[in-house]
Protein backbone atom coordinates (compact mmCIF):
# COMPACT_ATOMS: atom_id res chain seq x y z
CA MET A 1 34.57 62.99 -2.91
CA ARG A 2 35.38 61.48 -0.10
CA LYS A 3 31.73 62.23 1.50
CA ARG A 4 29.91 60.93 -1.62
CA SER A 5 32.26 57.99 -1.85
CA GLY A 6 31.45 57.00 1.69
CA SER A 7 27.63 57.14 0.84
CA ALA A 8 27.88 55.15 -1.88
CA PHE A 9 29.93 52.55 0.34
CA ILE A 10 26.97 52.75 2.76
CA ALA A 11 24.20 52.55 -0.27
CA ALA A 12 25.88 49.50 -1.65
CA LEU A 13 26.39 47.75 1.83
CA THR A 14 23.20 47.98 2.60
CA ALA A 15 21.74 46.68 -0.63
CA VAL A 16 24.07 43.77 -0.22
CA CYS A 17 22.80 43.24 3.50
CA ILE A 18 18.75 43.53 2.46
CA LEU A 19 19.89 40.82 -0.50
CA CYS A 20 21.69 38.41 2.32
CA GLY A 21 18.92 39.21 4.44
CA CYS A 22 16.24 37.94 2.16
CA GLN A 23 18.92 34.85 1.17
CA SER A 24 19.04 34.16 4.70
CA GLU A 25 15.21 34.53 5.23
CA LYS A 26 14.22 32.47 2.30
CA LYS A 27 16.89 29.40 3.98
CA LYS A 28 15.29 29.91 7.04
CA ILE A 29 11.25 29.88 5.75
CA SER A 30 10.79 26.46 6.82
CA GLU A 31 11.49 27.03 10.40
CA MET A 32 8.96 30.11 10.92
CA ASP A 33 6.15 29.98 12.53
CA VAL A 34 3.15 31.23 11.14
CA GLU A 35 3.13 34.81 12.26
CA GLU A 36 7.05 34.94 10.59
CA LYS A 37 6.04 33.64 7.76
CA VAL A 38 2.90 36.36 7.07
CA ARG A 39 4.91 39.12 7.98
CA TYR A 40 7.56 37.64 6.08
CA VAL A 41 5.86 37.78 2.88
CA ALA A 42 3.71 40.57 3.72
CA SER A 43 7.09 42.74 3.60
CA GLN A 44 7.66 41.86 0.23
CA GLU A 45 4.49 44.23 -0.97
CA ALA A 46 5.81 47.55 -0.31
CA SER A 47 3.14 48.91 -2.80
CA LEU A 48 -0.11 48.37 -0.02
CA SER A 49 -1.63 50.65 2.01
CA GLU A 50 -1.74 49.94 5.84
CA SER A 51 -5.42 48.91 5.45
CA GLU A 52 -4.72 46.72 2.41
CA MET A 53 -1.56 45.60 4.28
CA GLU A 54 -3.92 44.28 7.03
CA ASP A 55 -6.44 42.96 5.00
CA GLN A 56 -3.40 40.69 2.94
CA LEU A 57 -1.85 39.80 6.55
CA ALA A 58 -5.06 38.45 7.66
CA VAL A 59 -6.18 36.21 4.55
CA ARG A 60 -2.53 35.18 4.25
CA ARG A 61 -2.48 33.94 8.19
CA GLN A 62 -5.40 31.78 7.20
CA ILE A 63 -4.11 30.07 4.23
CA LEU A 64 -0.92 29.57 6.32
CA GLU A 65 -2.74 28.26 9.41
CA ARG A 66 -5.05 25.96 7.20
CA THR A 67 -1.55 24.53 5.21
CA GLU A 68 0.17 23.63 8.14
CA ALA A 69 -2.84 21.89 9.87
CA ASN A 70 -3.57 20.37 6.51
CA GLY A 71 0.14 19.22 6.53
CA ARG A 72 -0.47 17.75 10.36
CA HIS A 73 -3.69 15.74 9.32
CA GLU A 74 -1.94 14.12 6.54
CA ALA A 75 0.96 13.45 8.33
CA LYS A 76 -1.34 11.63 10.58
CA ILE A 77 -2.52 9.21 7.94
CA ALA A 78 0.72 8.24 7.15
CA GLU A 79 1.68 7.53 10.87
CA ALA A 80 -1.93 5.27 11.27
CA MET A 81 -1.02 3.48 7.60
CA SER A 82 2.74 2.78 9.48
CA SER A 83 1.23 1.63 12.93
CA ALA A 84 -1.07 -0.40 10.62
CA ARG A 85 1.62 -2.24 9.02
CA GLU A 86 3.24 -3.16 12.15
CA VAL A 87 0.33 -5.07 13.59
CA LEU A 88 -1.58 -6.38 10.14
CA ASP A 89 -0.35 -9.59 8.23
CA ASP A 90 0.50 -8.60 4.25
CA GLU A 91 -2.67 -9.79 3.19
CA MET A 92 -4.97 -7.15 5.64
CA TYR A 93 -2.29 -4.48 4.84
CA ALA A 94 -3.11 -4.89 1.29
CA LEU A 95 -6.77 -4.83 1.73
CA LEU A 96 -5.89 -1.69 3.77
CA GLU A 97 -3.84 0.01 1.20
CA ASP A 98 -6.69 -0.34 -1.66
CA SER A 99 -9.04 0.70 0.55
CA GLN A 100 -7.04 4.00 1.00
CA LYS A 101 -6.48 4.21 -2.89
CA ALA A 102 -10.30 4.01 -3.49
CA TRP A 103 -10.60 6.70 -0.59
CA GLU A 104 -8.02 9.21 -2.44
CA ARG A 105 -9.45 8.68 -5.96
CA GLY A 106 -13.24 9.31 -4.95
CA GLY A 107 -14.10 8.85 -1.25
CA ARG A 108 -12.51 11.83 -0.10
CA GLY A 109 -13.74 14.28 -2.85
CA ARG A 110 -17.21 12.67 -2.29
CA GLU A 111 -16.56 13.49 1.75
CA ILE A 112 -15.11 16.62 1.09
CA ASN A 113 -18.20 17.50 -0.76
CA SER A 114 -20.75 16.37 1.31
CA LEU A 115 -19.27 18.80 4.15
CA VAL A 116 -19.25 21.69 2.28
CA ALA A 117 -23.31 21.34 1.39
CA GLU A 118 -23.71 21.19 5.30
CA GLY A 119 -21.92 24.52 5.05
CA VAL A 120 -18.39 24.02 5.99
CA PRO A 121 -16.02 25.99 4.37
CA ALA A 122 -14.05 24.00 1.67
CA ALA A 123 -11.02 24.46 3.00
CA ASP A 124 -11.97 23.63 6.38
CA ALA A 125 -13.73 20.46 4.97
CA PHE A 126 -10.54 19.54 3.08
CA GLY A 127 -8.67 19.14 7.34
CA GLU A 128 -11.46 17.59 8.67
CA VAL A 129 -11.55 15.00 6.45
CA LEU A 130 -8.45 14.25 6.64
CA ARG A 131 -8.30 13.92 10.48
CA ARG A 132 -11.26 11.87 10.24
CA ARG A 133 -9.73 9.49 8.05
CA SER A 134 -6.64 9.12 10.01
CA GLU A 135 -8.93 8.05 12.98
CA TRP A 136 -10.69 5.90 10.44
CA ILE A 137 -7.49 3.81 9.81
CA GLY A 138 -6.67 3.41 13.27
CA LEU A 139 -9.79 2.17 14.38
CA ARG A 140 -10.34 -0.35 11.30
CA ALA A 141 -6.80 -1.36 11.85
CA SER A 142 -7.61 -2.25 15.23
CA ARG A 143 -10.70 -4.37 14.09
CA ALA A 144 -8.77 -6.06 11.36
CA MET A 145 -6.37 -7.38 14.25
CA LEU A 146 -8.50 -8.49 16.37
CA MET A 147 -10.29 -10.47 13.48
CA VAL A 148 -6.83 -12.40 12.53
CA SER A 149 -5.52 -12.73 16.21
CA PRO A 150 -8.58 -12.90 18.50
CA GLY A 151 -7.62 -15.01 21.80
CA VAL A 152 -9.75 -16.46 24.05
CA PHE A 153 -12.34 -13.78 24.80
CA GLY A 154 -10.74 -11.31 22.56
CA GLY A 155 -12.01 -10.63 19.21
CA TYR A 156 -14.12 -8.24 17.12
CA TYR A 157 -17.88 -9.18 17.12
CA ARG A 158 -20.95 -7.77 15.71
CA SER A 159 -24.69 -8.08 16.58
CA GLU A 160 -27.31 -8.88 13.89
CA ASP A 161 -28.62 -5.31 14.46
CA GLY A 162 -25.30 -3.47 13.34
CA ARG A 163 -23.38 -3.19 16.57
CA GLY A 164 -19.99 -3.87 16.87
CA ILE A 165 -17.57 -4.37 19.87
CA GLU A 166 -13.72 -5.03 20.14
CA VAL A 167 -12.51 -6.61 23.53
CA TYR A 168 -8.85 -6.53 23.85
CA GLU A 169 -7.14 -9.13 25.60
CA MET A 170 -4.20 -6.91 27.87
CA GLY A 171 -2.38 -10.06 29.92
CA ASP A 172 -3.10 -11.05 33.56
CA GLY A 173 -6.56 -12.14 32.83
CA ARG A 174 -7.38 -7.86 31.73
CA LEU A 175 -9.78 -6.99 28.91
CA ASN A 176 -10.14 -3.94 27.56
CA PHE A 177 -13.95 -3.58 26.09
CA VAL A 178 -15.56 -0.88 23.63
CA LEU A 179 -18.95 -0.90 22.33
CA ARG A 180 -20.03 1.09 18.99
CA VAL A 181 -23.05 1.24 17.39
CA ASP A 182 -23.12 2.04 13.71
CA GLU A 183 -24.80 5.45 12.95
CA ASP A 184 -24.82 6.24 16.21
CA ALA A 185 -22.61 8.31 18.21
CA PHE A 186 -22.71 6.47 21.29
CA VAL A 187 -19.68 4.37 22.50
CA PHE A 188 -19.30 2.58 25.42
CA THR A 189 -15.82 1.50 27.23
CA ALA A 190 -15.00 -0.64 30.12
CA SER A 191 -12.11 -2.74 31.51
CA GLY A 192 -12.10 -5.34 34.11
CA GLU A 193 -11.10 -8.96 34.85
CA VAL A 194 -11.57 -12.66 33.59
CA SER A 195 -13.28 -15.24 35.82
CA GLY A 196 -13.95 -18.72 34.27
CA GLU A 197 -15.90 -17.74 31.38
CA GLU A 198 -17.15 -14.56 32.51
CA ALA A 199 -15.72 -10.72 33.06
CA VAL A 200 -17.08 -8.15 34.89
CA LEU A 201 -16.33 -4.98 32.97
CA THR A 202 -16.77 -1.24 34.77
CA SER A 203 -16.52 2.17 32.72
CA GLU A 204 -13.63 4.48 34.22
CA THR A 205 -16.00 7.31 34.25
CA ASP A 206 -19.14 5.73 36.18
CA ASP A 207 -18.34 3.05 38.56
CA LYS A 208 -22.27 1.33 38.19
CA ALA A 209 -21.96 1.33 34.64
CA SER A 210 -20.63 -2.40 34.32
CA VAL A 211 -21.41 -5.10 32.11
CA VAL A 212 -21.36 -8.81 32.01
CA LEU A 213 -19.65 -10.78 29.41
CA LYS A 214 -20.21 -14.56 28.94
CA ARG A 215 -18.81 -16.63 26.54
CA GLU A 216 -21.38 -18.84 24.81
CA PRO A 217 -21.07 -21.82 22.34
CA GLY A 218 -20.63 -20.88 18.47
CA GLU A 219 -17.78 -18.22 19.02
CA MET A 220 -20.68 -16.26 20.53
CA LEU A 221 -20.28 -13.56 23.52
CA SER A 222 -23.32 -12.25 25.66
CA VAL A 223 -23.00 -8.49 26.98
CA SER A 224 -26.01 -7.92 29.71
CA PRO A 225 -25.76 -4.61 32.03
CA GLY A 226 -24.44 -5.18 35.31
CA ASP A 227 -26.28 -4.89 38.69
CA HIS A 228 -26.19 -1.24 39.31
CA PHE A 229 -26.58 -0.47 34.97
CA ALA A 230 -29.92 1.11 35.76
CA GLU A 231 -28.82 3.48 38.15
CA SER A 232 -25.73 4.73 36.12
CA SER A 233 -25.26 7.82 33.64
CA ILE A 234 -26.21 6.03 31.00
CA ALA A 235 -29.02 3.75 32.19
CA SER A 236 -31.62 4.73 29.25
CA ARG A 237 -28.96 3.33 26.60
CA ALA A 238 -29.35 -0.49 28.26
CA SER A 239 -30.97 -1.46 25.29
CA LEU A 240 -27.82 -0.53 23.56
CA VAL A 241 -24.87 -2.41 25.38
CA GLU A 242 -27.33 -5.85 26.11
CA GLY A 243 -27.41 -8.83 23.41
CA ARG A 244 -25.46 -11.29 21.45
CA PHE A 245 -23.26 -10.88 19.55
CA ALA A 246 -20.92 -13.18 17.09
CA ARG A 247 -17.34 -13.14 16.68
CA VAL A 248 -15.71 -11.89 13.01
CA ALA A 249 -13.17 -14.32 11.53
CA ARG A 250 -10.95 -13.19 8.84
CA GLY A 251 -13.32 -12.76 5.62
CA GLY A 252 -15.96 -12.70 7.58
CA TYR A 253 -16.91 -9.28 7.05
CA ASP A 254 -15.40 -6.36 5.07
CA VAL A 255 -13.57 -4.45 7.62
CA PHE A 256 -12.24 -2.10 5.43
CA ALA A 257 -15.49 -1.10 3.80
CA PRO A 258 -16.41 2.97 3.69
């Protein structure tokens, strides 16, 4: 009798421990990494065979990894919006917010569908679109800031053929320069010092890839290849680098257009 009571007590204690363990796991579920979450959820499926369990583990691991990755991308968008709020005035930030709302209503879905049509799995397309959007917000907010507070050389400039340059004044006469070509993956970055109405800026990755900036009347900026540009690794891109660019003022360009 005493033995049976002991067995019943142990069984009851075991059941309580299991229940408490589940409660504890549930409380700590947010602290688990992906593998721990997968194992915990799968442990509730006692009826699965070993092969079925492995299949379930693989699927759940993939779902959780995507969910966590998408959560990080969403956090990046929130972070980009917060950073934009710090550098933009109320008018410009309101325009960014309007653009973001429009994107959430329709632009996001169209971008996802476009990637899916290219063969990207829907779950992966969703995360990739979020990642791209966070970068888009950061870039467009920087351009808007340059339009509102340009400086002497600094500002956002565009050429008639759709190229854009961002010129950032870093203090002590130093400039950072970024040239982007619309509808093209080419991006050229350089930095250097101002001397009077000119500045010679050099790429950090290729000291032969340098450009000369000259201020011109009418808020214009000319860009020409440096003396040794023809010997650089991007010599074939000289035609994309050189040209005349007009400074963009507030209202002169829809910086938050899709």
